[in-house]
Amino acid sequence: RAIGVGVVGANVEDQLRPLAEAAANV
């Protein structure tokens, strides 16, 4: 959705989720 308004980069926090889940989010 951010790309839809023209964003081309972002910060996204891991919020210390389990590492496998956080890497899968990436």
PDB file of all heavy atoms in Angstrom:
ATOM      1  N   ARG A   1       0.826  -1.207   0.000  1.00  0.00           N
ATOM      2  CA  ARG A   1       0.000   0.000   0.000  1.00  0.00           C
ATOM      3  C   ARG A   1       0.862   1.260   0.000  1.00  0.00           C
ATOM      4  O   ARG A   1       0.509   2.267  -0.628  1.00  0.00           O
ATOM      5  CB  ARG A   1      -0.934  -0.008   1.205  1.00  0.00           C
ATOM      6  CG  ARG A   1      -2.024  -1.063   1.143  1.00  0.00           C
ATOM      7  CD  ARG A   1      -2.983  -0.949   2.323  1.00  0.00           C
ATOM      8  NE  ARG A   1      -3.642   0.355   2.337  1.00  0.00           N
ATOM      9  CZ  ARG A   1      -4.391   0.797   3.345  1.00  0.00           C
ATOM     10  NH1 ARG A   1      -4.545   0.041   4.426  1.00  0.00           N
ATOM     11  NH2 ARG A   1      -4.967   1.984   3.296  1.00  0.00           N
ATOM     12  N   ALA A   2       1.998   1.218   0.695  1.00  0.00           N
ATOM     13  CA  ALA A   2       2.900   2.368   0.703  1.00  0.00           C
ATOM     14  C   ALA A   2       3.466   2.617  -0.696  1.00  0.00           C
ATOM     15  O   ALA A   2       3.576   3.773  -1.134  1.00  0.00           O
ATOM     16  CB  ALA A   2       4.020   2.150   1.711  1.00  0.00           C
ATOM     17  N   ILE A   3       3.813   1.551  -1.383  1.00  0.00           N
ATOM     18  CA  ILE A   3       4.278   1.694  -2.764  1.00  0.00           C
ATOM     19  C   ILE A   3       3.179   2.345  -3.612  1.00  0.00           C
ATOM     20  O   ILE A   3       3.466   3.159  -4.500  1.00  0.00           O
ATOM     21  CB  ILE A   3       4.687   0.327  -3.329  1.00  0.00           C
ATOM     22  CG1 ILE A   3       5.980  -0.146  -2.649  1.00  0.00           C
ATOM     23  CG2 ILE A   3       4.877   0.390  -4.847  1.00  0.00           C
ATOM     24  CD1 ILE A   3       6.361  -1.579  -2.978  1.00  0.00           C
ATOM     25  N   GLY A   4       1.946   2.025  -3.306  1.00  0.00           N
ATOM     26  CA  GLY A   4       0.824   2.600  -4.047  1.00  0.00           C
ATOM     27  C   GLY A   4       0.715   4.107  -3.926  1.00  0.00           C
ATOM     28  O   GLY A   4       0.133   4.756  -4.807  1.00  0.00           O
ATOM     29  N   VAL A   5       1.261   4.700  -2.836  1.00  0.00           N
ATOM     30  CA  VAL A   5       1.244   6.158  -2.706  1.00  0.00           C
ATOM     31  C   VAL A   5       2.594   6.763  -3.072  1.00  0.00           C
ATOM     32  O   VAL A   5       2.821   7.952  -2.870  1.00  0.00           O
ATOM     33  CB  VAL A   5       0.809   6.614  -1.297  1.00  0.00           C
ATOM     34  CG1 VAL A   5      -0.587   6.109  -0.984  1.00  0.00           C
ATOM     35  CG2 VAL A   5       1.806   6.188  -0.226  1.00  0.00           C
ATOM     36  N   GLY A   6       3.502   5.937  -3.616  1.00  0.00           N
ATOM     37  CA  GLY A   6       4.752   6.459  -4.149  1.00  0.00           C
ATOM     38  C   GLY A   6       5.988   6.220  -3.318  1.00  0.00           C
ATOM     39  O   GLY A   6       7.082   6.667  -3.685  1.00  0.00           O
ATOM     40  N   VAL A   7       5.877   5.495  -2.204  1.00  0.00           N
ATOM     41  CA  VAL A   7       7.029   5.207  -1.350  1.00  0.00           C
ATOM     42  C   VAL A   7       7.930   4.183  -2.039  1.00  0.00           C
ATOM     43  O   VAL A   7       7.441   3.227  -2.642  1.00  0.00           O
ATOM     44  CB  VAL A   7       6.554   4.683   0.020  1.00  0.00           C
ATOM     45  CG1 VAL A   7       7.695   4.091   0.826  1.00  0.00           C
ATOM     46  CG2 VAL A   7       5.865   5.802   0.792  1.00  0.00           C
ATOM     47  N   VAL A   8       9.246   4.361  -1.919  1.00  0.00           N
ATOM     48  CA  VAL A   8      10.178   3.432  -2.579  1.00  0.00           C
ATOM     49  C   VAL A   8      11.181   2.808  -1.599  1.00  0.00           C
ATOM     50  O   VAL A   8      12.094   2.095  -2.004  1.00  0.00           O
ATOM     51  CB  VAL A   8      10.918   4.113  -3.739  1.00  0.00           C
ATOM     52  CG1 VAL A   8       9.928   4.516  -4.825  1.00  0.00           C
ATOM     53  CG2 VAL A   8      11.736   5.312  -3.263  1.00  0.00           C
ATOM     54  N   GLY A   9      11.007   3.080  -0.319  1.00  0.00           N
ATOM     55  CA  GLY A   9      11.837   2.479   0.713  1.00  0.00           C
ATOM     56  C   GLY A   9      11.134   2.621   2.043  1.00  0.00           C
ATOM     57  O   GLY A   9      10.191   3.413   2.174  1.00  0.00           O
ATOM     58  N   ALA A  10      11.574   1.847   3.038  1.00  0.00           N
ATOM     59  CA  ALA A  10      10.906   1.928   4.343  1.00  0.00           C
ATOM     60  C   ALA A  10      11.764   1.341   5.442  1.00  0.00           C
ATOM     61  O   ALA A  10      12.606   0.472   5.206  1.00  0.00           O
ATOM     62  CB  ALA A  10       9.560   1.200   4.308  1.00  0.00           C
ATOM     63  N   ASN A  11      11.508   1.822   6.656  1.00  0.00           N
ATOM     64  CA  ASN A  11      11.923   1.146   7.875  1.00  0.00           C
ATOM     65  C   ASN A  11      10.764   0.249   8.300  1.00  0.00           C
ATOM     66  O   ASN A  11       9.607   0.703   8.322  1.00  0.00           O
ATOM     67  CB  ASN A  11      12.154   2.114   9.027  1.00  0.00           C
ATOM     68  CG  ASN A  11      13.247   3.116   8.778  1.00  0.00           C
ATOM     69  OD1 ASN A  11      14.007   3.001   7.822  1.00  0.00           O
ATOM     70  ND2 ASN A  11      13.331   4.109   9.638  1.00  0.00           N
ATOM     71  N   VAL A  12      11.055  -0.978   8.666  1.00  0.00           N
ATOM     72  CA  VAL A  12      10.064  -1.854   9.296  1.00  0.00           C
ATOM     73  C   VAL A  12      10.730  -2.502  10.498  1.00  0.00           C
ATOM     74  O   VAL A  12      11.788  -3.118  10.370  1.00  0.00           O
ATOM     75  CB  VAL A  12       9.524  -2.921   8.322  1.00  0.00           C
ATOM     76  CG1 VAL A  12       8.502  -3.807   9.026  1.00  0.00           C
ATOM     77  CG2 VAL A  12       8.882  -2.268   7.100  1.00  0.00           C
ATOM     78  N   GLU A  13      10.129  -2.340  11.665  1.00  0.00           N
ATOM     79  CA  GLU A  13      10.695  -2.829  12.926  1.00  0.00           C
ATOM     80  C   GLU A  13      10.490  -4.335  13.082  1.00  0.00           C
ATOM     81  O   GLU A  13       9.451  -4.862  12.696  1.00  0.00           O
ATOM     82  CB  GLU A  13      10.011  -2.131  14.102  1.00  0.00           C
ATOM     83  CG  GLU A  13      10.072  -0.610  14.053  1.00  0.00           C
ATOM     84  CD  GLU A  13       9.070   0.034  14.990  1.00  0.00           C
ATOM     85  OE1 GLU A  13       8.360  -0.707  15.713  1.00  0.00           O
ATOM     86  OE2 GLU A  13       8.984   1.277  14.997  1.00  0.00           O
ATOM     87  N   ASP A  14      11.475  -4.982  13.729  1.00  0.00           N
ATOM     88  CA  ASP A  14      11.258  -6.394  14.048  1.00  0.00           C
ATOM     89  C   ASP A  14      10.521  -6.567  15.374  1.00  0.00           C
ATOM     90  O   ASP A  14       9.949  -7.624  15.639  1.00  0.00           O
ATOM     91  CB  ASP A  14      12.572  -7.178  14.055  1.00  0.00           C
ATOM     92  CG  ASP A  14      13.566  -6.755  15.126  1.00  0.00           C
ATOM     93  OD1 ASP A  14      13.246  -5.896  15.968  1.00  0.00           O
ATOM     94  OD2 ASP A  14      14.688  -7.298  15.128  1.00  0.00           O
ATOM     95  N   GLN A  15      10.530  -5.502  16.226  1.00  0.00           N
ATOM     96  CA  GLN A  15       9.854  -5.553  17.520  1.00  0.00           C
ATOM     97  C   GLN A  15      10.250  -6.797  18.319  1.00  0.00           C
ATOM     98  O   GLN A  15       9.491  -7.313  19.135  1.00  0.00           O
ATOM     99  CB  GLN A  15       8.336  -5.453  17.336  1.00  0.00           C
ATOM    100  CG  GLN A  15       7.930  -4.143  16.659  1.00  0.00           C
ATOM    101  CD  GLN A  15       6.460  -3.998  16.371  1.00  0.00           C
ATOM    102  OE1 GLN A  15       5.727  -4.992  16.349  1.00  0.00           O
ATOM    103  NE2 GLN A  15       6.000  -2.783  16.140  1.00  0.00           N
ATOM    104  N   LEU A  16      11.466  -7.278  18.051  1.00  0.00           N
ATOM    105  CA  LEU A  16      12.033  -8.465  18.689  1.00  0.00           C
ATOM    106  C   LEU A  16      11.139  -9.696  18.554  1.00  0.00           C
ATOM    107  O   LEU A  16      11.085 -10.547  19.448  1.00  0.00           O
ATOM    108  CB  LEU A  16      12.379  -8.195  20.153  1.00  0.00           C
ATOM    109  CG  LEU A  16      13.550  -7.226  20.392  1.00  0.00           C
ATOM    110  CD1 LEU A  16      13.987  -7.272  21.836  1.00  0.00           C
ATOM    111  CD2 LEU A  16      14.729  -7.507  19.467  1.00  0.00           C
ATOM    112  N   ARG A  17      10.459  -9.787  17.407  1.00  0.00           N
ATOM    113  CA  ARG A  17       9.755 -11.034  17.108  1.00  0.00           C
ATOM    114  C   ARG A  17      10.774 -12.172  17.024  1.00  0.00           C
ATOM    115  O   ARG A  17      11.962 -11.928  16.827  1.00  0.00           O
ATOM    116  CB  ARG A  17       9.024 -10.918  15.770  1.00  0.00           C
ATOM    117  CG  ARG A  17       7.901  -9.889  15.735  1.00  0.00           C
ATOM    118  CD  ARG A  17       7.221  -9.895  14.368  1.00  0.00           C
ATOM    119  NE  ARG A  17       6.096  -8.981  14.301  1.00  0.00           N
ATOM    120  CZ  ARG A  17       6.170  -7.715  13.891  1.00  0.00           C
ATOM    121  NH1 ARG A  17       7.343  -7.227  13.512  1.00  0.00           N
ATOM    122  NH2 ARG A  17       5.107  -6.933  13.870  1.00  0.00           N
ATOM    123  N   PRO A  18      10.335 -13.413  17.142  1.00  0.00           N
ATOM    124  CA  PRO A  18      11.275 -14.523  16.931  1.00  0.00           C
ATOM    125  C   PRO A  18      12.024 -14.333  15.624  1.00  0.00           C
ATOM    126  O   PRO A  18      11.439 -13.908  14.611  1.00  0.00           O
ATOM    127  CB  PRO A  18      10.362 -15.745  16.907  1.00  0.00           C
ATOM    128  CG  PRO A  18       9.196 -15.354  17.766  1.00  0.00           C
ATOM    129  CD  PRO A  18       8.979 -13.893  17.495  1.00  0.00           C
ATOM    130  N   LEU A  19      13.299 -14.641  15.621  1.00  0.00           N
ATOM    131  CA  LEU A  19      14.155 -14.304  14.486  1.00  0.00           C
ATOM    132  C   LEU A  19      13.656 -14.909  13.181  1.00  0.00           C
ATOM    133  O   LEU A  19      13.655 -14.235  12.140  1.00  0.00           O
ATOM    134  CB  LEU A  19      15.586 -14.760  14.756  1.00  0.00           C
ATOM    135  CG  LEU A  19      16.608 -14.443  13.664  1.00  0.00           C
ATOM    136  CD1 LEU A  19      16.605 -12.964  13.307  1.00  0.00           C
ATOM    137  CD2 LEU A  19      17.995 -14.884  14.100  1.00  0.00           C
ATOM    138  N   ALA A  20      13.220 -16.157  13.199  1.00  0.00           N
ATOM    139  CA  ALA A  20      12.740 -16.784  11.960  1.00  0.00           C
ATOM    140  C   ALA A  20      11.544 -16.033  11.403  1.00  0.00           C
ATOM    141  O   ALA A  20      11.430 -15.816  10.184  1.00  0.00           O
ATOM    142  CB  ALA A  20      12.391 -18.243  12.214  1.00  0.00           C
ATOM    143  N   GLU A  21      10.646 -15.598  12.281  1.00  0.00           N
ATOM    144  CA  GLU A  21       9.465 -14.848  11.839  1.00  0.00           C
ATOM    145  C   GLU A  21       9.872 -13.487  11.285  1.00  0.00           C
ATOM    146  O   GLU A  21       9.355 -13.041  10.245  1.00  0.00           O
ATOM    147  CB  GLU A  21       8.509 -14.663  13.018  1.00  0.00           C
ATOM    148  CG  GLU A  21       7.275 -13.829  12.693  1.00  0.00           C
ATOM    149  CD  GLU A  21       6.409 -13.549  13.913  1.00  0.00           C
ATOM    150  OE1 GLU A  21       6.569 -14.253  14.933  1.00  0.00           O
ATOM    151  OE2 GLU A  21       5.587 -12.614  13.849  1.00  0.00           O
ATOM    152  N   ALA A  22      10.791 -12.812  11.964  1.00  0.00           N
ATOM    153  CA  ALA A  22      11.228 -11.495  11.517  1.00  0.00           C
ATOM    154  C   ALA A  22      11.932 -11.567  10.166  1.00  0.00           C
ATOM    155  O   ALA A  22      11.714 -10.724   9.286  1.00  0.00           O
ATOM    156  CB  ALA A  22      12.143 -10.870  12.568  1.00  0.00           C
ATOM    157  N   ALA A  23      12.785 -12.580   9.982  1.00  0.00           N
ATOM    158  CA  ALA A  23      13.468 -12.738   8.696  1.00  0.00           C
ATOM    159  C   ALA A  23      12.477 -13.082   7.592  1.00  0.00           C
ATOM    160  O   ALA A  23      12.611 -12.611   6.451  1.00  0.00           O
ATOM    161  CB  ALA A  23      14.543 -13.814   8.807  1.00  0.00           C
ATOM    162  N   ALA A  24      11.477 -13.896   7.918  1.00  0.00           N
ATOM    163  CA  ALA A  24      10.441 -14.229   6.933  1.00  0.00           C
ATOM    164  C   ALA A  24       9.660 -12.980   6.528  1.00  0.00           C
ATOM    165  O   ALA A  24       9.249 -12.843   5.364  1.00  0.00           O
ATOM    166  CB  ALA A  24       9.507 -15.292   7.492  1.00  0.00           C
ATOM    167  N   ASN A  25       9.445 -12.055   7.475  1.00  0.00           N
ATOM    168  CA  ASN A  25       8.778 -10.798   7.146  1.00  0.00           C
ATOM    169  C   ASN A  25       9.595 -10.002   6.133  1.00  0.00           C
ATOM    170  O   ASN A  25       9.040  -9.397   5.209  1.00  0.00           O
ATOM    171  CB  ASN A  25       8.566  -9.958   8.407  1.00  0.00           C
ATOM    172  CG  ASN A  25       7.289 -10.300   9.136  1.00  0.00           C
ATOM    173  OD1 ASN A  25       6.341 -10.827   8.550  1.00  0.00           O
ATOM    174  ND2 ASN A  25       7.248  -9.992  10.419  1.00  0.00           N
ATOM    175  N   VAL A  26      10.911  -9.986   6.302  1.00  0.00           N
ATOM    176  CA  VAL A  26      11.767  -9.283   5.344  1.00  0.00           C
ATOM    177  C   VAL A  26      11.595  -9.876   3.952  1.00  0.00           C
ATOM    178  O   VAL A  26      11.406  -9.150   2.964  1.00  0.00           O
ATOM    179  CB  VAL A  26      13.240  -9.350   5.790  1.00  0.00           C
ATOM    180  CG1 VAL A  26      14.167  -8.842   4.683  1.00  0.00           C
ATOM    181  CG2 VAL A  26      13.453  -8.538   7.066  1.00  0.00           C
TER     182      VAL A  26
END
